[in-house]
Amino acid sequence: MTTLDSIITDSTRLYIGNAVPETYYKDTYVKNIKPVHAVALPVTHEEVQALVQFAIDKDLKILARGAGTGVAGAQVPLEGNELIIDVHLMDTITELDEETLTLTVEPGVLVGDIHTYVESKGYFYPPDPASKHSTIGGNVATNAGGLRAVKYGTTRQYVREMTVVLPSGESMTLGSKNIKDSSGYDLKDLFIGSEGTLGITTQIKLKLIPLPKASLSILLAFDTVQEATDATLAILTSGADPSGVELFERQALRYAEQNLGYPLKSQVGEAYLLMTLDGNDAADLTVRAELVEQIAKETALESHVLTEEEAAKNWALRDNILLGLTVFTEFELLDEVVPINKFAELIESTKAMQEKHGLNVLNFGHAGDGNVHTLLMKDDLSEEEWTRRRAALLKDLYQKVADLGGLPSAEHGIGIVKKEYMESMTDDINLKHMRAIKQVFDPDNRLNPGKVF
């Protein structure tokens, strides 16, 4: 009979029973202690296949995991007796094909390492999630977006081909290097964003584009979130073509300023837009920046075209909002998305909810694509009171998101923490067919059970 140590012969890549480290029971925010059967760290596609077959033979559930940077509980064991397949050691960049502009990688490669590698060669992989320590496999599993989605799109647009191991142990290649494909159903897109419920990815071919030769950043300050959102809509329709448009509230930024020890370039107003323009022609960038400046003169309190050093420091402040907040309180990070013209209305509605439920609420997000990151802060509340107030506020918040035509997750995934809202905000026909797809690929509900729906 096949044993785990006959599949994973290196003992440093295998943890069984009580030897499983605690880190495998949690992600960034969600923790759920369950006694998993084992954790195996494969380094080849064949080892993944053998591990899946072992789980079938032993009737174990399977949970695939990468860097563990998720925030919705998709990587957390729920049922007990799971086999966790940790692919983070499958971290090789295997081929740069400069003729087809594709990069072949294993699922454990970090997104930040992809950026560094391809940019050193003059190419560009645009998806830019906040965590550069997340793996590309995890990004594919959640269809991660990030700061540049407003111009370049999300992970889905950059996956040309992927190899997956199905819950049956079979291997399947989805997509191809071909730019066009009208040859039957696009099964690849079913797997992107499926949060590890349909298959385990072992190889990905990514689309690359030429690296933009120039970029600049602009900071705008406003009295209100509504004014900042109105300016965003004007900028998006002006021809300025920003690659990123980030909004954050003054109150949220204070935590980052305290953490890093320096202030934002602007200290007036209550809401800010920080944006990047990129391209191949410096003169064209100047013209596009002037379009932004014209809009700023009509709507903003002040605007700043940032030097390279200023841009690095101001973007670091935006990136440190969560880290800065961690020093002061526990919090829950949300990931809702609404049509971009409803962005301000959603944020403003959270202020009324804050008063109603007695929870401090902060907001920042990707104004250019309607993705709001709402933060619910625990402060000094007891666990019981925090749980009660949080649940009541979330019910109101997700109802407002639904009323505005939005969705519960833009880029972090559903996992376990948004399941009830996913189900309440998705019509029965859609849910029925999603479950039918899961049944086709995973009739035994073996792979990442209890997640998404």
Protein backbone atom coordinates (compact mmCIF):
# COMPACT_ATOMS: atom_id res chain seq x y z
CA MET A 1 0.00 0.00 0.00
CA THR A 2 1.27 3.47 -0.92
CA THR A 3 2.29 5.63 2.03
CA LEU A 4 2.92 9.35 2.22
CA ASP A 5 6.60 8.87 2.94
CA SER A 6 6.93 6.75 -0.18
CA ILE A 7 5.59 9.70 -2.23
CA ILE A 8 7.43 12.45 -0.37
CA THR A 9 10.73 10.78 0.47
CA ASP A 10 12.33 13.93 1.88
CA SER A 11 11.18 14.07 5.51
CA THR A 12 11.58 17.86 5.60
CA ARG A 13 8.70 18.09 3.12
CA LEU A 14 6.21 16.04 5.12
CA TYR A 15 4.36 16.66 8.39
CA ILE A 16 2.00 14.04 9.78
CA GLY A 17 -0.56 14.34 12.58
CA ASN A 18 0.64 16.29 15.61
CA ALA A 19 3.79 17.34 13.76
CA VAL A 20 1.79 19.70 11.50
CA PRO A 21 2.88 23.31 12.24
CA GLU A 22 0.20 25.69 13.51
CA THR A 23 0.66 27.98 10.51
CA TYR A 24 -1.29 25.49 8.38
CA TYR A 25 -4.43 26.09 10.41
CA LYS A 26 -4.74 29.75 9.46
CA ASP A 27 -4.29 32.39 6.79
CA THR A 28 -3.59 36.08 7.33
CA TYR A 29 -6.74 36.68 9.38
CA VAL A 30 -8.74 33.44 9.69
CA LYS A 31 -7.87 30.67 12.12
CA ASN A 32 -9.75 27.40 12.52
CA ILE A 33 -8.01 24.59 14.41
CA LYS A 34 -8.88 21.19 12.95
CA PRO A 35 -6.77 18.02 13.20
CA VAL A 36 -5.51 17.58 9.64
CA HIS A 37 -4.12 14.22 8.55
CA ALA A 38 -0.90 15.58 7.11
CA VAL A 39 0.85 18.34 5.18
CA ALA A 40 2.88 17.41 2.11
CA LEU A 41 5.12 19.76 0.13
CA PRO A 42 5.52 18.41 -3.42
CA VAL A 43 8.10 19.73 -5.85
CA THR A 44 6.81 18.09 -9.05
CA HIS A 45 3.55 17.67 -10.94
CA GLU A 46 3.89 13.90 -10.52
CA GLU A 47 4.12 14.20 -6.75
CA VAL A 48 0.91 16.26 -6.72
CA GLN A 49 -0.84 13.57 -8.74
CA ALA A 50 0.40 10.85 -6.41
CA LEU A 51 -0.75 12.81 -3.36
CA VAL A 52 -4.23 13.25 -4.83
CA GLN A 53 -4.40 9.51 -5.53
CA PHE A 54 -3.30 8.82 -1.94
CA ALA A 55 -6.13 11.04 -0.67
CA ILE A 56 -8.61 9.17 -2.86
CA ASP A 57 -7.40 5.80 -1.54
CA LYS A 58 -7.60 7.00 2.08
CA ASP A 59 -10.84 8.95 1.54
CA LEU A 60 -9.22 12.19 2.70
CA LYS A 61 -10.26 15.70 1.78
CA ILE A 62 -7.64 17.84 0.03
CA LEU A 63 -6.70 21.46 0.62
CA ALA A 64 -4.18 23.12 -1.69
CA ARG A 65 -2.09 25.92 -0.23
CA GLY A 66 0.57 28.38 -1.33
CA ALA A 67 2.10 31.22 0.68
CA GLY A 68 -0.81 31.41 3.13
CA THR A 69 -1.42 35.12 2.47
CA GLY A 70 -5.16 34.72 1.81
CA VAL A 71 -7.62 36.71 3.89
CA ALA A 72 -10.95 34.89 3.41
CA GLY A 73 -10.26 31.47 4.93
CA ALA A 74 -10.02 29.56 1.64
CA GLN A 75 -6.81 27.88 2.87
CA VAL A 76 -8.09 27.01 6.33
CA PRO A 77 -9.05 23.37 7.13
CA LEU A 78 -12.68 22.99 8.15
CA GLU A 79 -13.59 19.31 8.31
CA GLY A 80 -10.54 17.73 9.93
CA ASN A 81 -8.57 14.81 8.48
CA GLU A 82 -7.60 16.80 5.38
CA LEU A 83 -4.42 16.32 3.42
CA ILE A 84 -2.92 19.76 2.84
CA ILE A 85 -0.88 19.95 -0.35
CA ASP A 86 1.45 22.93 0.03
CA VAL A 87 2.85 23.88 -3.39
CA HIS A 88 5.01 26.81 -2.33
CA LEU A 89 8.21 24.84 -3.04
CA MET A 90 7.14 24.51 -6.68
CA ASP A 91 8.67 27.92 -7.26
CA THR A 92 10.58 27.74 -10.53
CA ILE A 93 10.31 30.17 -13.42
CA THR A 94 10.78 27.59 -16.15
CA GLU A 95 10.64 29.48 -19.44
CA LEU A 96 10.50 32.98 -20.89
CA ASP A 97 9.27 32.70 -24.47
CA GLU A 98 10.09 36.03 -26.07
CA GLU A 99 8.48 35.06 -29.37
CA THR A 100 5.02 34.42 -27.90
CA LEU A 101 5.51 36.83 -24.97
CA THR A 102 4.67 34.18 -22.39
CA LEU A 103 6.26 33.18 -19.09
CA THR A 104 5.93 29.63 -17.80
CA VAL A 105 5.97 29.34 -14.01
CA GLU A 106 5.18 26.89 -11.24
CA PRO A 107 2.40 27.84 -8.80
CA GLY A 108 4.68 28.67 -5.88
CA VAL A 109 6.51 31.52 -7.61
CA LEU A 110 5.93 34.79 -5.76
CA VAL A 111 4.25 37.57 -7.71
CA GLY A 112 6.92 40.03 -6.64
CA ASP A 113 9.59 37.71 -8.06
CA ILE A 114 7.70 37.53 -11.37
CA HIS A 115 7.65 41.33 -11.55
CA THR A 116 11.37 41.58 -10.79
CA TYR A 117 12.33 38.88 -13.30
CA VAL A 118 10.29 40.02 -16.28
CA GLU A 119 10.99 43.73 -15.76
CA SER A 120 14.73 42.98 -15.81
CA LYS A 121 14.13 41.56 -19.30
CA GLY A 122 12.07 44.53 -20.50
CA TYR A 123 8.65 42.91 -20.06
CA PHE A 124 5.65 43.61 -17.86
CA TYR A 125 3.24 41.42 -15.90
CA PRO A 126 0.60 43.98 -14.88
CA PRO A 127 -1.48 42.29 -12.09
CA ASP A 128 -0.20 43.92 -8.91
CA PRO A 129 -1.79 42.62 -5.68
CA ALA A 130 -0.82 44.39 -2.48
CA SER A 131 0.98 41.29 -1.19
CA LYS A 132 4.04 40.76 -3.35
CA HIS A 133 4.66 37.66 -1.21
CA SER A 134 1.54 35.96 -2.53
CA THR A 135 2.07 33.11 -4.97
CA ILE A 136 0.96 33.14 -8.59
CA GLY A 137 -1.05 29.98 -7.88
CA GLY A 138 -2.97 31.80 -5.18
CA ASN A 139 -3.47 34.77 -7.49
CA VAL A 140 -4.96 32.48 -10.13
CA ALA A 141 -7.15 30.80 -7.50
CA THR A 142 -8.72 34.14 -6.50
CA ASN A 143 -8.39 36.01 -9.81
CA ALA A 144 -6.37 38.61 -7.94
CA GLY A 145 -6.44 42.18 -9.19
CA GLY A 146 -4.51 44.91 -7.44
CA LEU A 147 -3.59 48.50 -8.11
CA ARG A 148 -3.32 48.34 -11.90
CA ALA A 149 -6.61 46.58 -12.68
CA VAL A 150 -8.26 49.82 -13.82
CA LYS A 151 -6.06 49.89 -16.93
CA TYR A 152 -4.70 46.38 -17.34
CA GLY A 153 -7.32 44.07 -15.86
CA THR A 154 -6.98 41.19 -13.40
CA THR A 155 -5.07 37.91 -13.32
CA ARG A 156 -7.64 36.26 -15.58
CA GLN A 157 -6.58 38.38 -18.55
CA TYR A 158 -2.96 37.18 -18.24
CA VAL A 159 -3.35 33.41 -17.94
CA ARG A 160 -2.81 31.83 -21.35
CA GLU A 161 -2.52 28.23 -20.24
CA MET A 162 -2.58 26.23 -17.01
CA THR A 163 -2.00 22.62 -16.05
CA VAL A 164 -4.15 21.26 -13.24
CA VAL A 165 -4.53 18.02 -11.32
CA LEU A 166 -8.20 17.20 -10.93
CA PRO A 167 -9.78 15.68 -7.79
CA SER A 168 -9.83 12.38 -9.71
CA GLY A 169 -6.03 12.44 -10.01
CA GLU A 170 -6.21 13.12 -13.74
CA SER A 171 -4.10 15.86 -15.30
CA MET A 172 -5.56 18.44 -17.66
CA THR A 173 -4.12 21.35 -19.64
CA LEU A 174 -6.45 24.32 -20.07
CA GLY A 175 -5.94 27.05 -22.66
CA SER A 176 -2.88 27.44 -24.87
CA LYS A 177 -0.31 29.96 -26.09
CA ASN A 178 -2.69 30.93 -28.88
CA ILE A 179 -3.95 34.50 -28.68
CA LYS A 180 -7.35 33.57 -30.12
CA ASP A 181 -9.49 30.57 -29.22
CA SER A 182 -13.03 29.95 -30.36
CA SER A 183 -12.73 26.17 -30.10
CA GLY A 184 -15.37 25.06 -27.64
CA TYR A 185 -15.96 26.02 -24.03
CA ASP A 186 -13.26 28.01 -22.22
CA LEU A 187 -12.71 25.65 -19.29
CA LYS A 188 -9.66 27.63 -18.19
CA ASP A 189 -11.83 30.49 -17.01
CA LEU A 190 -13.81 28.14 -14.77
CA PHE A 191 -10.66 27.32 -12.81
CA ILE A 192 -9.42 30.91 -12.49
CA GLY A 193 -11.09 32.30 -9.38
CA SER A 194 -12.38 28.90 -8.22
CA GLU A 195 -10.34 29.10 -4.98
CA GLY A 196 -8.92 25.60 -5.27
CA THR A 197 -12.30 23.87 -5.38
CA LEU A 198 -11.96 22.38 -8.88
CA GLY A 199 -8.30 21.42 -9.27
CA ILE A 200 -4.72 21.98 -8.13
CA THR A 201 -2.64 24.12 -10.47
CA THR A 202 0.88 22.86 -11.16
CA GLN A 203 1.98 25.06 -14.08
CA ILE A 204 0.88 28.39 -15.54
CA LYS A 205 1.78 30.18 -18.76
CA LEU A 206 1.36 33.92 -18.31
CA LYS A 207 0.87 36.59 -20.95
CA LEU A 208 3.43 39.40 -20.86
CA ILE A 209 3.48 42.82 -22.49
CA PRO A 210 6.35 45.26 -23.16
CA LEU A 211 7.41 47.20 -20.07
CA PRO A 212 6.22 50.84 -20.15
CA LYS A 213 9.23 53.11 -20.45
CA ALA A 214 7.98 55.95 -18.27
CA SER A 215 5.60 56.63 -15.40
CA LEU A 216 4.64 59.36 -13.00
CA SER A 217 2.42 59.67 -9.94
CA ILE A 218 -0.04 62.39 -8.97
CA LEU A 219 -1.61 63.08 -5.57
CA LEU A 220 -4.91 64.96 -5.25
CA ALA A 221 -6.59 66.12 -2.03
CA PHE A 222 -10.35 66.63 -1.57
CA ASP A 223 -12.80 67.71 1.08
CA THR A 224 -15.00 64.64 0.65
CA VAL A 225 -15.02 61.11 -0.74
CA GLN A 226 -17.80 62.15 -3.12
CA GLU A 227 -15.62 64.87 -4.63
CA ALA A 228 -12.74 62.41 -4.99
CA THR A 229 -15.02 59.91 -6.71
CA ASP A 230 -16.44 62.55 -9.04
CA ALA A 231 -12.88 63.49 -9.98
CA THR A 232 -12.06 59.82 -10.59
CA LEU A 233 -14.93 59.49 -13.06
CA ALA A 234 -13.81 62.67 -14.82
CA ILE A 235 -10.22 61.44 -15.03
CA LEU A 236 -11.25 58.03 -16.38
CA THR A 237 -13.20 59.67 -19.21
CA SER A 238 -10.65 62.41 -19.93
CA GLY A 239 -8.12 60.35 -21.87
CA ALA A 240 -5.57 60.50 -19.04
CA ASP A 241 -5.65 56.68 -18.93
CA PRO A 242 -4.27 56.08 -15.41
CA SER A 243 -2.89 52.65 -14.59
CA GLY A 244 -3.92 52.99 -10.96
CA VAL A 245 -6.31 55.25 -9.04
CA GLU A 246 -6.29 54.69 -5.28
CA LEU A 247 -8.56 56.44 -2.78
CA PHE A 248 -7.99 56.59 0.95
CA GLU A 249 -9.52 58.55 3.80
CA ARG A 250 -7.47 60.87 5.99
CA GLN A 251 -8.33 58.81 9.07
CA ALA A 252 -7.07 55.57 7.50
CA LEU A 253 -3.83 57.20 6.42
CA ARG A 254 -2.92 58.38 9.92
CA TYR A 255 -2.05 54.83 10.94
CA ALA A 256 0.39 54.46 8.05
CA GLU A 257 1.96 57.85 8.78
CA GLN A 258 2.53 56.87 12.40
CA ASN A 259 3.96 53.51 11.38
CA LEU A 260 6.40 54.86 8.78
CA GLY A 261 7.21 58.10 10.58
CA TYR A 262 6.59 60.61 7.80
CA PRO A 263 3.50 62.42 6.43
CA LEU A 264 1.68 62.26 3.12
CA LYS A 265 2.73 64.99 0.69
CA SER A 266 -0.66 66.69 1.19
CA GLN A 267 -2.04 67.43 4.65
CA VAL A 268 -5.31 69.12 3.69
CA GLY A 269 -8.71 67.55 3.13
CA GLU A 270 -10.35 64.30 4.18
CA ALA A 271 -9.96 62.15 1.05
CA TYR A 272 -7.10 61.57 -1.36
CA LEU A 273 -6.50 60.13 -4.80
CA LEU A 274 -3.08 58.71 -5.57
CA MET A 275 -2.64 57.68 -9.18
CA THR A 276 -0.05 56.51 -11.66
CA LEU A 277 0.18 57.25 -15.37
CA ASP A 278 2.45 55.08 -17.49
CA GLY A 279 3.45 54.79 -21.14
CA ASN A 280 6.32 54.86 -23.60
CA ASP A 281 6.45 58.58 -24.39
CA ALA A 282 7.41 61.14 -21.74
CA ALA A 283 5.81 63.95 -23.73
CA ASP A 284 2.55 62.02 -23.90
CA LEU A 285 2.68 61.48 -20.13
CA THR A 286 3.02 65.22 -19.66
CA VAL A 287 -0.07 65.85 -21.78
CA ARG A 288 -2.05 63.24 -19.85
CA ALA A 289 -0.87 64.68 -16.53
CA GLU A 290 -2.12 68.09 -17.67
CA LEU A 291 -5.57 66.56 -18.22
CA VAL A 292 -5.54 65.42 -14.59
CA GLU A 293 -4.33 68.83 -13.44
CA GLN A 294 -7.18 70.57 -15.29
CA ILE A 295 -9.72 68.40 -13.49
CA ALA A 296 -7.92 68.99 -10.20
CA LYS A 297 -8.18 72.77 -10.60
CA GLU A 298 -11.96 72.45 -10.71
CA THR A 299 -12.47 69.86 -7.96
CA ALA A 300 -9.43 69.33 -5.72
CA LEU A 301 -8.07 71.32 -2.79
CA GLU A 302 -4.57 70.78 -4.13
CA SER A 303 -2.63 68.53 -6.48
CA HIS A 304 0.98 67.39 -6.67
CA VAL A 305 2.88 65.77 -9.52
CA LEU A 306 5.31 63.73 -7.44
CA THR A 307 9.03 63.31 -7.92
CA GLU A 308 10.28 59.73 -8.10
CA GLU A 309 11.32 59.86 -4.43
CA GLU A 310 8.02 61.42 -3.36
CA ALA A 311 6.09 58.84 -5.33
CA ALA A 312 7.91 55.97 -3.63
CA LYS A 313 7.22 57.42 -0.17
CA ASN A 314 3.57 58.24 -0.83
CA TRP A 315 2.84 54.83 -2.37
CA ALA A 316 4.55 53.23 0.63
CA LEU A 317 2.10 55.07 2.89
CA ARG A 318 -0.84 53.70 0.92
CA ASP A 319 0.64 50.20 1.09
CA ASN A 320 1.17 50.48 4.86
CA ILE A 321 -2.39 51.32 5.88
CA LEU A 322 -3.09 47.75 7.00
CA LEU A 323 0.30 47.23 8.60
CA GLY A 324 -0.02 50.51 10.45
CA LEU A 325 -3.48 49.62 11.69
CA THR A 326 -2.27 46.24 12.95
CA VAL A 327 -0.16 48.02 15.55
CA PHE A 328 -3.23 49.65 17.09
CA THR A 329 -6.13 47.21 16.89
CA GLU A 330 -7.54 43.99 15.50
CA PHE A 331 -9.67 44.53 12.41
CA GLU A 332 -11.53 42.77 9.63
CA LEU A 333 -10.64 43.61 6.03
CA LEU A 334 -13.46 43.51 3.47
CA ASP A 335 -13.27 43.42 -0.30
CA GLU A 336 -16.60 44.56 -1.71
CA VAL A 337 -17.01 45.96 -5.22
CA VAL A 338 -19.66 48.23 -6.74
CA PRO A 339 -20.03 50.07 -10.06
CA ILE A 340 -17.50 52.90 -10.03
CA ASN A 341 -20.22 55.58 -9.95
CA LYS A 342 -21.50 54.06 -6.67
CA PHE A 343 -18.11 54.02 -4.94
CA ALA A 344 -18.70 57.15 -2.84
CA GLU A 345 -22.26 56.20 -1.94
CA LEU A 346 -21.08 52.90 -0.49
CA ILE A 347 -18.31 54.53 1.53
CA GLU A 348 -20.62 57.26 2.84
CA SER A 349 -23.17 54.62 3.87
CA THR A 350 -20.60 52.98 6.11
CA LYS A 351 -20.49 56.14 8.22
CA ALA A 352 -24.15 55.76 9.12
CA MET A 353 -23.54 52.08 9.86
CA GLN A 354 -20.65 53.06 12.12
CA GLU A 355 -22.97 55.19 14.22
CA LYS A 356 -25.79 52.64 14.18
CA HIS A 357 -23.68 49.67 15.27
CA GLY A 358 -20.99 51.33 17.37
CA LEU A 359 -18.04 50.06 15.33
CA ASN A 360 -15.25 52.23 13.96
CA VAL A 361 -15.08 51.92 10.17
CA LEU A 362 -12.35 53.04 7.76
CA ASN A 363 -12.23 52.81 3.98
CA PHE A 364 -9.66 52.78 1.22
CA GLY A 365 -9.63 51.11 -2.15
CA HIS A 366 -9.27 51.05 -5.88
CA ALA A 367 -11.44 53.98 -6.93
CA GLY A 368 -10.77 53.33 -10.60
CA ASP A 369 -12.49 49.93 -10.54
CA GLY A 370 -15.03 50.31 -7.71
CA ASN A 371 -13.28 47.98 -5.25
CA VAL A 372 -13.69 49.21 -1.66
CA HIS A 373 -11.63 47.81 1.20
CA THR A 374 -13.74 48.53 4.26
CA LEU A 375 -12.07 48.00 7.63
CA LEU A 376 -14.07 47.10 10.73
CA MET A 377 -12.05 47.81 13.88
CA LYS A 378 -12.40 45.79 17.06
CA ASP A 379 -10.71 48.38 19.30
CA ASP A 380 -11.33 47.49 22.97
CA LEU A 381 -14.60 45.59 22.47
CA SER A 382 -15.04 42.23 24.15
CA GLU A 383 -15.02 39.21 21.85
CA GLU A 384 -18.74 38.72 22.40
CA GLU A 385 -19.61 42.35 21.68
CA TRP A 386 -17.30 42.48 18.66
CA THR A 387 -18.92 39.37 17.19
CA ARG A 388 -22.43 40.75 17.72
CA ARG A 389 -21.79 44.24 16.33
CA ARG A 390 -19.70 42.93 13.44
CA ALA A 391 -22.43 40.53 12.31
CA ALA A 392 -25.09 43.24 12.44
CA LEU A 393 -22.99 45.74 10.51
CA LEU A 394 -21.98 43.19 7.87
CA LYS A 395 -25.62 42.33 7.25
CA ASP A 396 -26.40 45.99 6.56
CA LEU A 397 -23.23 46.54 4.54
CA TYR A 398 -23.71 43.63 2.16
CA GLN A 399 -27.35 44.55 1.69
CA LYS A 400 -26.20 48.02 0.64
CA VAL A 401 -23.63 46.48 -1.71
CA ALA A 402 -26.38 44.37 -3.27
CA ASP A 403 -28.70 47.38 -3.58
CA LEU A 404 -25.95 49.23 -5.47
CA GLY A 405 -25.46 46.34 -7.90
CA GLY A 406 -22.23 45.18 -6.28
CA LEU A 407 -20.65 41.91 -5.20
CA PRO A 408 -19.10 40.67 -1.94
CA SER A 409 -15.57 40.12 -3.29
CA ALA A 410 -13.53 41.81 -5.99
CA GLU A 411 -10.14 40.14 -5.57
CA HIS A 412 -9.73 38.31 -2.24
CA GLY A 413 -12.22 35.52 -2.91
CA ILE A 414 -15.16 34.16 -0.95
CA GLY A 415 -13.46 31.47 1.16
CA ILE A 416 -15.51 30.87 4.27
CA VAL A 417 -15.97 34.39 5.60
CA LYS A 418 -18.21 35.61 2.77
CA LYS A 419 -20.12 32.42 1.99
CA GLU A 420 -23.46 33.52 3.41
CA TYR A 421 -23.27 36.86 1.58
CA MET A 422 -22.23 35.19 -1.66
CA GLU A 423 -25.29 32.95 -1.45
CA SER A 424 -27.68 35.76 -0.52
CA MET A 425 -26.36 38.03 -3.30
CA THR A 426 -26.31 35.40 -6.06
CA ASP A 427 -29.51 34.25 -7.73
CA ASP A 428 -30.59 30.63 -7.36
CA ILE A 429 -30.01 29.77 -11.02
CA ASN A 430 -26.38 30.90 -10.89
CA LEU A 431 -25.79 29.01 -7.65
CA LYS A 432 -27.41 25.88 -9.04
CA HIS A 433 -25.11 25.84 -12.04
CA MET A 434 -22.01 26.64 -9.97
CA ARG A 435 -22.79 23.65 -7.78
CA ALA A 436 -23.37 21.55 -10.89
CA ILE A 437 -19.92 22.49 -12.20
CA LYS A 438 -18.38 21.53 -8.85
CA GLN A 439 -20.21 18.20 -9.04
CA VAL A 440 -18.84 17.49 -12.54
CA PHE A 441 -15.21 18.01 -11.55
CA ASP A 442 -15.41 16.91 -7.92
CA PRO A 443 -18.36 14.54 -7.36
CA ASP A 444 -16.97 13.42 -3.99
CA ASN A 445 -16.55 17.01 -2.76
CA ARG A 446 -12.94 16.15 -2.01
CA LEU A 447 -11.19 19.37 -2.95
CA ASN A 448 -11.38 22.31 -0.53
CA PRO A 449 -14.86 21.42 0.80
CA GLY A 450 -16.97 24.06 2.50
CA LYS A 451 -15.49 26.96 0.57
CA VAL A 452 -17.21 29.48 -1.76
CA PHE A 453 -20.73 27.98 -1.36
